[in-house]
Amino acid sequence: MNKAKILGMVRHALTFGGGLVVGKGWIDKAMMVEIVGALVTLIGIAWSYYAPEKQLQ
């Protein structure tokens, strides 16, 4: 699988989990959107840093 597919699945899993948390009333919708956006951004940065195709040989 490539980066775009995996990040897409992660984004959907985070959105699903966020929907459950919002449904339970633990946080509101705006906070969930900010948290999911931040996590996807951080995961993308980490992935880009550790990407095997960018390592020097």
N, C-alpha and C. Protein backbone atom coordinates (compact mmCIF):
# COMPACT_ATOMS: atom_id res chain seq x y z
N MET A 1 0.84 -1.19 0.00
CA MET A 1 0.00 0.00 0.00
C MET A 1 0.88 1.24 0.00
N ASN A 2 0.35 2.29 -0.58
CA ASN A 2 1.13 3.52 -0.61
C ASN A 2 0.70 4.46 0.51
N LYS A 3 1.43 5.54 0.63
CA LYS A 3 1.22 6.51 1.72
C LYS A 3 -0.19 7.08 1.70
N ALA A 4 -0.70 7.45 0.54
CA ALA A 4 -2.02 8.07 0.44
C ALA A 4 -3.12 7.13 0.93
N LYS A 5 -3.02 5.84 0.59
CA LYS A 5 -4.04 4.88 1.02
C LYS A 5 -4.01 4.69 2.54
N ILE A 6 -2.81 4.55 3.08
CA ILE A 6 -2.71 4.32 4.52
C ILE A 6 -3.17 5.56 5.29
N LEU A 7 -2.74 6.75 4.86
CA LEU A 7 -3.18 7.96 5.54
C LEU A 7 -4.69 8.14 5.42
N GLY A 8 -5.26 7.73 4.30
CA GLY A 8 -6.72 7.80 4.14
C GLY A 8 -7.42 6.89 5.13
N MET A 9 -6.89 5.68 5.32
CA MET A 9 -7.50 4.75 6.28
C MET A 9 -7.34 5.28 7.71
N VAL A 10 -6.18 5.84 8.00
CA VAL A 10 -5.96 6.42 9.34
C VAL A 10 -6.93 7.57 9.58
N ARG A 11 -7.09 8.43 8.57
CA ARG A 11 -8.02 9.56 8.70
C ARG A 11 -9.44 9.09 8.96
N HIS A 12 -9.87 8.05 8.26
CA HIS A 12 -11.22 7.52 8.47
C HIS A 12 -11.36 6.88 9.85
N ALA A 13 -10.33 6.16 10.29
CA ALA A 13 -10.37 5.55 11.62
C ALA A 13 -10.43 6.62 12.71
N LEU A 14 -9.65 7.69 12.54
CA LEU A 14 -9.69 8.78 13.52
C LEU A 14 -11.04 9.48 13.53
N THR A 15 -11.61 9.67 12.35
CA THR A 15 -12.93 10.30 12.26
C THR A 15 -13.99 9.41 12.91
N PHE A 16 -13.91 8.10 12.68
CA PHE A 16 -14.85 7.16 13.31
C PHE A 16 -14.72 7.22 14.83
N GLY A 17 -13.47 7.15 15.32
CA GLY A 17 -13.24 7.22 16.76
C GLY A 17 -13.70 8.55 17.34
N GLY A 18 -13.44 9.62 16.60
CA GLY A 18 -13.90 10.94 17.04
C GLY A 18 -15.40 11.02 17.10
N GLY A 19 -16.09 10.40 16.13
CA GLY A 19 -17.56 10.37 16.15
C GLY A 19 -18.10 9.66 17.38
N LEU A 20 -17.43 8.57 17.76
CA LEU A 20 -17.84 7.87 18.98
C LEU A 20 -17.66 8.74 20.22
N VAL A 21 -16.53 9.42 20.28
CA VAL A 21 -16.24 10.28 21.44
C VAL A 21 -17.24 11.44 21.50
N VAL A 22 -17.55 12.03 20.35
CA VAL A 22 -18.53 13.12 20.31
C VAL A 22 -19.91 12.58 20.70
N GLY A 23 -20.25 11.40 20.20
CA GLY A 23 -21.53 10.78 20.54
C GLY A 23 -21.69 10.53 22.03
N LYS A 24 -20.60 10.20 22.70
CA LYS A 24 -20.64 9.99 24.15
C LYS A 24 -20.68 11.32 24.91
N GLY A 25 -20.41 12.41 24.22
CA GLY A 25 -20.47 13.72 24.85
C GLY A 25 -19.19 14.13 25.56
N TRP A 26 -18.10 13.42 25.31
CA TRP A 26 -16.84 13.74 25.99
C TRP A 26 -16.20 15.01 25.44
N ILE A 27 -16.33 15.25 24.12
CA ILE A 27 -15.85 16.48 23.49
C ILE A 27 -16.88 16.93 22.48
N ASP A 28 -16.75 18.18 22.02
CA ASP A 28 -17.69 18.65 21.00
C ASP A 28 -17.11 18.45 19.59
N LYS A 29 -17.94 18.68 18.60
CA LYS A 29 -17.57 18.41 17.21
C LYS A 29 -16.36 19.24 16.77
N ALA A 30 -16.32 20.50 17.14
CA ALA A 30 -15.21 21.37 16.73
C ALA A 30 -13.88 20.86 17.28
N MET A 31 -13.88 20.43 18.53
CA MET A 31 -12.66 19.91 19.14
C MET A 31 -12.22 18.63 18.42
N MET A 32 -13.18 17.78 18.07
CA MET A 32 -12.86 16.53 17.37
C MET A 32 -12.21 16.81 16.03
N VAL A 33 -12.73 17.77 15.28
CA VAL A 33 -12.17 18.11 13.98
C VAL A 33 -10.73 18.61 14.13
N GLU A 34 -10.48 19.42 15.14
CA GLU A 34 -9.13 19.94 15.37
C GLU A 34 -8.17 18.81 15.77
N ILE A 35 -8.60 17.91 16.63
CA ILE A 35 -7.75 16.81 17.07
C ILE A 35 -7.41 15.88 15.91
N VAL A 36 -8.41 15.50 15.12
CA VAL A 36 -8.18 14.61 13.99
C VAL A 36 -7.25 15.27 12.97
N GLY A 37 -7.47 16.54 12.70
CA GLY A 37 -6.60 17.26 11.77
C GLY A 37 -5.16 17.32 12.25
N ALA A 38 -4.99 17.58 13.53
CA ALA A 38 -3.64 17.64 14.10
C ALA A 38 -2.95 16.28 14.04
N LEU A 39 -3.68 15.23 14.38
CA LEU A 39 -3.09 13.89 14.36
C LEU A 39 -2.70 13.46 12.95
N VAL A 40 -3.55 13.72 11.98
CA VAL A 40 -3.23 13.36 10.59
C VAL A 40 -2.00 14.15 10.12
N THR A 41 -1.91 15.41 10.50
CA THR A 41 -0.75 16.22 10.13
C THR A 41 0.52 15.66 10.75
N LEU A 42 0.47 15.34 12.05
CA LEU A 42 1.65 14.80 12.73
C LEU A 42 2.07 13.44 12.17
N ILE A 43 1.09 12.60 11.85
CA ILE A 43 1.40 11.29 11.26
C ILE A 43 2.05 11.48 9.89
N GLY A 44 1.53 12.40 9.10
CA GLY A 44 2.11 12.68 7.78
C GLY A 44 3.54 13.19 7.87
N ILE A 45 3.80 14.06 8.85
CA ILE A 45 5.15 14.57 9.04
C ILE A 45 6.09 13.44 9.45
N ALA A 46 5.67 12.62 10.40
CA ALA A 46 6.51 11.51 10.85
C ALA A 46 6.76 10.54 9.70
N TRP A 47 5.72 10.24 8.93
CA TRP A 47 5.86 9.31 7.80
C TRP A 47 6.88 9.87 6.79
N SER A 48 6.77 11.16 6.49
CA SER A 48 7.69 11.76 5.53
C SER A 48 9.12 11.72 6.05
N TYR A 49 9.30 11.91 7.33
CA TYR A 49 10.65 11.90 7.92
C TYR A 49 11.26 10.51 7.84
N TYR A 50 10.47 9.49 8.12
CA TYR A 50 10.98 8.12 8.17
C TYR A 50 10.77 7.33 6.88
N ALA A 51 10.32 7.98 5.81
CA ALA A 51 10.04 7.29 4.55
C ALA A 51 11.30 6.60 4.03
N PRO A 52 11.20 5.29 3.76
CA PRO A 52 12.38 4.56 3.30
C PRO A 52 12.91 5.04 1.95
N GLU A 53 12.05 5.55 1.09
CA GLU A 53 12.52 5.99 -0.23
C GLU A 53 13.35 7.27 -0.14
N LYS A 54 13.33 7.95 1.01
CA LYS A 54 14.10 9.18 1.17
C LYS A 54 15.42 8.94 1.90
N GLN A 55 15.67 7.74 2.34
CA GLN A 55 16.91 7.46 3.06
C GLN A 55 18.08 7.39 2.08
N LEU A 56 19.20 7.91 2.53
CA LEU A 56 20.40 7.86 1.71
C LEU A 56 20.97 6.46 1.68
N GLN A 57 21.57 6.11 0.57
CA GLN A 57 22.14 4.76 0.44
C GLN A 57 23.64 4.80 0.50
